[in-house]
Amino acid sequence: MTSLVRTETIPIPSGDTEILAYLAEPSRPGRFGAVVVIQEVFGVNSHIREVAERIAGAGYVAIAPHIYHRQAPGFEAGYTTEDLEQGRRYKQGTRAAELLADLEGAIARLYTKPNVISGGVGCIGFCFGGHVAYLAATLAEVKATASFYGAGIATMTPGGGEPTLSRTAEIKGTLYGFFGEKDPLISSEEVNQIEAALTDHGVPHQLFRYPDAEHGFFCDQRYSYNPEAARDAWEQVLQLFKTTLPTEQ
């Protein structure tokens, strides 16, 4: 990344343990809003680090917790079939309560930084991280959530129990959802269920559906990358954070 952004890997608290997180922040002086970045099943890999750096370049402090840390510290993978199978195995080992503890730990660590403005954070997640972002939206400190193609929101929750969608009433901030209409993992019916739940519970939201986009359309390392959809979605994300998060001092 350019000299405009500073990066490092740091430990953060999570319940009664610690996990690692990738931190990207503006290198210039100032105080900034903060954003939690949630990985795909492929770990905190180069794509997720790049997203964190892009967010930092836009004027926020970004942190990407390693949510597989309990099972596979430092795990990151590419986008082969074998990588996908391995990442899905680790996904099956996650639990909603532990994931929320990871996210709370990331937020707590952000608030210890003198260049972070307290008063609420943003959250962005992709693939499995898009599902976890919907969970994160239930946390009181999360004021804005960008959930990208999170499969299973309407049908399950990590570790078992009622579907994550059943927690929609707990969301206090604004939620944007991004879906490809050619995504084989998320049906239009599921997207409709998500929109209905957000509407029924009065959650400020917008859902963006891209007719020619598949699963993973935002990631330029995947075969399904769709530059037009990715460009539009990024503009929407920046607008979401600009209008909901504390501003630079």
Protein backbone atom coordinates (compact mmCIF):
# COMPACT_ATOMS: atom_id res chain seq x y z
CA MET A 1 0.00 0.00 0.00
CA THR A 2 1.08 3.60 -0.40
CA SER A 3 2.66 5.64 2.39
CA LEU A 4 -0.80 7.12 3.01
CA VAL A 5 -1.74 3.96 4.92
CA ARG A 6 0.02 2.20 7.77
CA THR A 7 -0.58 -1.51 8.44
CA GLU A 8 0.27 -4.10 11.09
CA THR A 9 -0.99 -7.34 12.62
CA ILE A 10 -1.98 -6.96 16.27
CA PRO A 11 -3.48 -9.08 19.08
CA ILE A 12 -6.99 -8.24 20.23
CA PRO A 13 -9.07 -9.54 23.15
CA SER A 14 -11.86 -12.04 22.52
CA GLY A 15 -13.67 -13.37 25.54
CA ASP A 16 -11.06 -15.08 27.71
CA THR A 17 -8.49 -15.39 24.94
CA GLU A 18 -6.70 -13.33 22.28
CA ILE A 19 -6.82 -13.53 18.50
CA LEU A 20 -4.93 -11.70 15.78
CA ALA A 21 -6.26 -8.90 13.61
CA TYR A 22 -4.98 -6.96 10.61
CA LEU A 23 -5.00 -3.20 11.18
CA ALA A 24 -4.89 -0.57 8.44
CA GLU A 25 -5.05 3.12 9.26
CA PRO A 26 -4.32 6.51 7.70
CA SER A 27 -0.70 7.47 8.29
CA ARG A 28 -1.55 11.17 8.57
CA PRO A 29 -2.41 12.81 11.88
CA GLY A 30 -6.07 13.07 12.80
CA ARG A 31 -8.95 11.23 14.43
CA PHE A 32 -11.04 8.91 12.30
CA GLY A 33 -14.11 6.74 12.24
CA ALA A 34 -13.49 3.00 12.37
CA VAL A 35 -14.63 -0.05 10.42
CA VAL A 36 -14.45 -3.78 11.18
CA VAL A 37 -13.73 -5.92 8.08
CA ILE A 38 -14.90 -9.54 8.18
CA GLN A 39 -13.21 -12.20 6.07
CA GLU A 40 -14.58 -14.70 3.60
CA VAL A 41 -14.10 -18.41 4.33
CA PHE A 42 -10.60 -17.93 2.88
CA GLY A 43 -9.28 -16.12 5.96
CA VAL A 44 -7.66 -12.72 6.28
CA ASN A 45 -5.98 -13.14 2.92
CA SER A 46 -4.61 -10.60 0.47
CA HIS A 47 -8.09 -9.62 -0.73
CA ILE A 48 -9.35 -8.86 2.78
CA ARG A 49 -6.15 -6.99 3.62
CA GLU A 50 -6.61 -4.95 0.46
CA VAL A 51 -10.19 -4.10 1.43
CA ALA A 52 -8.96 -2.93 4.84
CA GLU A 53 -6.31 -0.81 3.14
CA ARG A 54 -8.85 0.72 0.76
CA ILE A 55 -11.03 1.65 3.70
CA ALA A 56 -8.03 3.20 5.45
CA GLY A 57 -7.25 5.09 2.27
CA ALA A 58 -10.78 6.50 2.41
CA GLY A 59 -10.09 7.95 5.86
CA TYR A 60 -11.05 5.26 8.39
CA VAL A 61 -9.18 2.98 10.75
CA ALA A 62 -9.94 -0.58 9.59
CA ILE A 63 -9.46 -3.82 11.50
CA ALA A 64 -9.91 -7.37 10.18
CA PRO A 65 -10.04 -9.99 12.97
CA HIS A 66 -8.88 -13.54 12.23
CA ILE A 67 -12.19 -15.23 13.04
CA TYR A 68 -10.72 -18.71 12.41
CA HIS A 69 -7.95 -18.10 14.94
CA ARG A 70 -9.21 -20.66 17.46
CA GLN A 71 -9.00 -23.41 14.86
CA ALA A 72 -6.23 -22.27 12.53
CA PRO A 73 -4.12 -19.29 13.68
CA GLY A 74 -3.00 -17.15 10.75
CA PHE A 75 -5.02 -19.11 8.21
CA GLU A 76 -5.31 -17.61 4.76
CA ALA A 77 -5.99 -19.22 1.41
CA GLY A 78 -6.54 -18.52 -2.25
CA TYR A 79 -9.58 -19.42 -4.33
CA THR A 80 -9.02 -22.96 -5.56
CA THR A 81 -11.53 -25.74 -4.97
CA GLU A 82 -9.24 -27.17 -2.30
CA ASP A 83 -8.98 -23.78 -0.58
CA LEU A 84 -12.77 -23.49 -0.57
CA GLU A 85 -13.21 -26.94 0.98
CA GLN A 86 -10.68 -26.17 3.71
CA GLY A 87 -12.23 -22.77 4.46
CA ARG A 88 -15.69 -24.30 4.69
CA ARG A 89 -14.43 -26.87 7.20
CA TYR A 90 -13.22 -24.07 9.46
CA LYS A 91 -16.49 -22.21 8.93
CA GLN A 92 -18.35 -25.24 10.31
CA GLY A 93 -16.28 -24.94 13.49
CA THR A 94 -17.36 -21.37 14.28
CA ARG A 95 -19.97 -20.39 16.85
CA ALA A 96 -22.08 -17.24 16.83
CA ALA A 97 -21.18 -16.34 20.43
CA GLU A 98 -17.45 -16.66 19.73
CA LEU A 99 -17.74 -14.63 16.53
CA LEU A 100 -19.54 -11.86 18.39
CA ALA A 101 -16.81 -11.94 21.05
CA ASP A 102 -14.21 -11.53 18.29
CA LEU A 103 -16.06 -8.53 16.90
CA GLU A 104 -16.55 -6.96 20.33
CA GLY A 105 -12.83 -7.43 20.96
CA ALA A 106 -11.97 -5.74 17.68
CA ILE A 107 -14.19 -2.78 18.54
CA ALA A 108 -12.74 -2.52 22.04
CA ARG A 109 -9.22 -2.53 20.60
CA LEU A 110 -10.16 0.19 18.12
CA TYR A 111 -11.44 2.38 20.94
CA THR A 112 -8.06 2.19 22.70
CA LYS A 113 -6.43 3.94 19.75
CA PRO A 114 -6.05 7.72 20.12
CA ASN A 115 -6.74 8.25 16.42
CA VAL A 116 -10.16 6.54 16.57
CA ILE A 117 -13.34 8.50 17.30
CA SER A 118 -15.62 6.61 19.65
CA GLY A 119 -19.38 6.64 19.26
CA GLY A 120 -19.94 3.80 16.83
CA VAL A 121 -18.20 1.82 14.11
CA GLY A 122 -18.96 0.45 10.69
CA CYS A 123 -18.77 -3.17 9.62
CA ILE A 124 -18.26 -4.79 6.23
CA GLY A 125 -18.17 -8.51 5.48
CA PHE A 126 -18.00 -10.77 2.44
CA CYS A 127 -19.27 -14.31 1.77
CA PHE A 128 -19.30 -16.02 5.19
CA GLY A 129 -18.23 -12.63 6.51
CA GLY A 130 -21.37 -11.14 4.97
CA HIS A 131 -23.38 -13.46 7.20
CA VAL A 132 -21.23 -12.63 10.22
CA ALA A 133 -21.68 -8.92 9.42
CA TYR A 134 -25.43 -9.40 9.83
CA LEU A 135 -24.70 -10.84 13.27
CA ALA A 136 -22.37 -7.92 13.98
CA ALA A 137 -25.15 -5.49 13.17
CA THR A 138 -26.87 -6.60 16.39
CA LEU A 139 -24.04 -5.10 18.48
CA ALA A 140 -24.85 -1.74 20.02
CA GLU A 141 -21.64 -0.10 18.77
CA VAL A 142 -22.23 -1.04 15.12
CA LYS A 143 -23.92 1.91 13.43
CA ALA A 144 -23.50 0.86 9.78
CA THR A 145 -23.22 -2.58 8.20
CA ALA A 146 -22.36 -3.55 4.63
CA SER A 147 -23.19 -7.24 4.14
CA PHE A 148 -21.95 -8.74 0.86
CA TYR A 149 -23.58 -11.96 -0.38
CA GLY A 150 -23.89 -13.54 3.06
CA ALA A 151 -25.31 -17.01 2.48
CA GLY A 152 -27.52 -18.69 5.06
CA ILE A 153 -28.74 -15.58 6.90
CA ALA A 154 -32.34 -16.73 6.50
CA THR A 155 -31.70 -20.44 7.13
CA MET A 156 -29.00 -20.96 9.81
CA THR A 157 -26.61 -19.42 12.30
CA PRO A 158 -22.98 -20.40 13.00
CA GLY A 159 -22.88 -23.23 15.51
CA GLY A 160 -26.60 -23.98 15.27
CA GLY A 161 -29.79 -22.45 16.58
CA GLU A 162 -32.39 -20.12 15.16
CA PRO A 163 -31.40 -18.49 11.85
CA THR A 164 -29.46 -15.25 12.13
CA LEU A 165 -32.40 -13.53 10.44
CA SER A 166 -34.40 -14.07 13.66
CA ARG A 167 -32.16 -11.49 15.35
CA THR A 168 -33.08 -8.69 12.95
CA ALA A 169 -35.03 -6.83 15.63
CA GLU A 170 -31.75 -6.36 17.54
CA ILE A 171 -30.21 -4.29 14.74
CA LYS A 172 -30.02 -0.64 15.78
CA GLY A 173 -27.99 0.87 12.94
CA THR A 174 -28.28 1.02 9.14
CA LEU A 175 -27.74 -2.08 7.01
CA TYR A 176 -26.88 -2.29 3.32
CA GLY A 177 -26.98 -5.69 1.62
CA PHE A 178 -25.31 -6.54 -1.70
CA PHE A 179 -26.39 -9.56 -3.75
CA GLY A 180 -25.83 -10.96 -7.22
CA GLU A 181 -28.94 -12.28 -8.89
CA LYS A 182 -26.88 -15.10 -10.45
CA ASP A 183 -25.54 -16.21 -7.07
CA PRO A 184 -26.16 -19.98 -6.79
CA LEU A 185 -25.74 -19.87 -3.00
CA ILE A 186 -28.41 -17.25 -2.22
CA SER A 187 -31.85 -17.47 -3.77
CA SER A 188 -33.98 -14.44 -4.58
CA GLU A 189 -36.48 -15.81 -2.07
CA GLU A 190 -33.88 -15.57 0.71
CA VAL A 191 -33.03 -12.00 -0.27
CA ASN A 192 -36.74 -11.20 -0.19
CA GLN A 193 -36.97 -12.70 3.30
CA ILE A 194 -34.09 -10.52 4.47
CA GLU A 195 -35.69 -7.41 3.02
CA ALA A 196 -39.05 -8.25 4.59
CA ALA A 197 -37.49 -8.77 8.03
CA LEU A 198 -35.58 -5.48 7.86
CA THR A 199 -38.74 -3.67 6.79
CA ASP A 200 -40.93 -5.33 9.40
CA HIS A 201 -38.56 -4.37 12.21
CA GLY A 202 -38.02 -0.81 11.00
CA VAL A 203 -34.29 -1.23 10.34
CA PRO A 204 -32.96 1.50 8.02
CA HIS A 205 -31.68 -0.42 5.02
CA GLN A 206 -31.06 -0.70 1.32
CA LEU A 207 -30.56 -3.92 -0.61
CA PHE A 208 -28.69 -3.80 -3.89
CA ARG A 209 -29.31 -6.59 -6.39
CA TYR A 210 -27.02 -6.86 -9.40
CA PRO A 211 -28.62 -8.77 -12.32
CA ASP A 212 -25.40 -10.04 -13.91
CA ALA A 213 -23.38 -10.67 -10.74
CA GLU A 214 -22.50 -14.00 -9.13
CA HIS A 215 -21.28 -14.96 -5.67
CA GLY A 216 -18.01 -13.20 -4.84
CA PHE A 217 -18.52 -10.45 -7.41
CA PHE A 218 -16.60 -7.87 -5.35
CA CYS A 219 -13.33 -9.85 -5.24
CA ASP A 220 -10.99 -9.22 -8.18
CA GLN A 221 -9.14 -12.47 -7.41
CA ARG A 222 -12.18 -14.65 -8.12
CA TYR A 223 -13.48 -15.81 -11.48
CA SER A 224 -16.83 -14.24 -10.59
CA TYR A 225 -15.43 -10.72 -10.25
CA ASN A 226 -17.83 -8.21 -11.77
CA PRO A 227 -16.12 -4.81 -12.10
CA GLU A 228 -19.30 -2.84 -12.73
CA ALA A 229 -21.16 -4.28 -9.76
CA ALA A 230 -18.07 -4.00 -7.56
CA ARG A 231 -17.60 -0.35 -8.49
CA ASP A 232 -21.19 0.55 -7.73
CA ALA A 233 -21.18 -1.40 -4.46
CA TRP A 234 -18.01 0.33 -3.28
CA GLU A 235 -19.55 3.74 -3.93
CA GLN A 236 -22.60 2.71 -1.91
CA VAL A 237 -20.42 1.49 0.96
CA LEU A 238 -18.47 4.73 1.10
CA GLN A 239 -21.71 6.71 1.10
CA LEU A 240 -23.07 4.52 3.92
CA PHE A 241 -20.03 5.10 6.10
CA LYS A 242 -19.88 8.79 5.25
CA THR A 243 -23.46 9.40 6.36
CA THR A 244 -23.52 7.22 9.51
CA LEU A 245 -20.08 7.14 11.16
CA PRO A 246 -18.31 9.77 13.25
CA THR A 247 -16.36 12.14 11.02
CA GLU A 248 -12.67 13.01 11.02
CA GLN A 249 -11.66 15.78 13.38
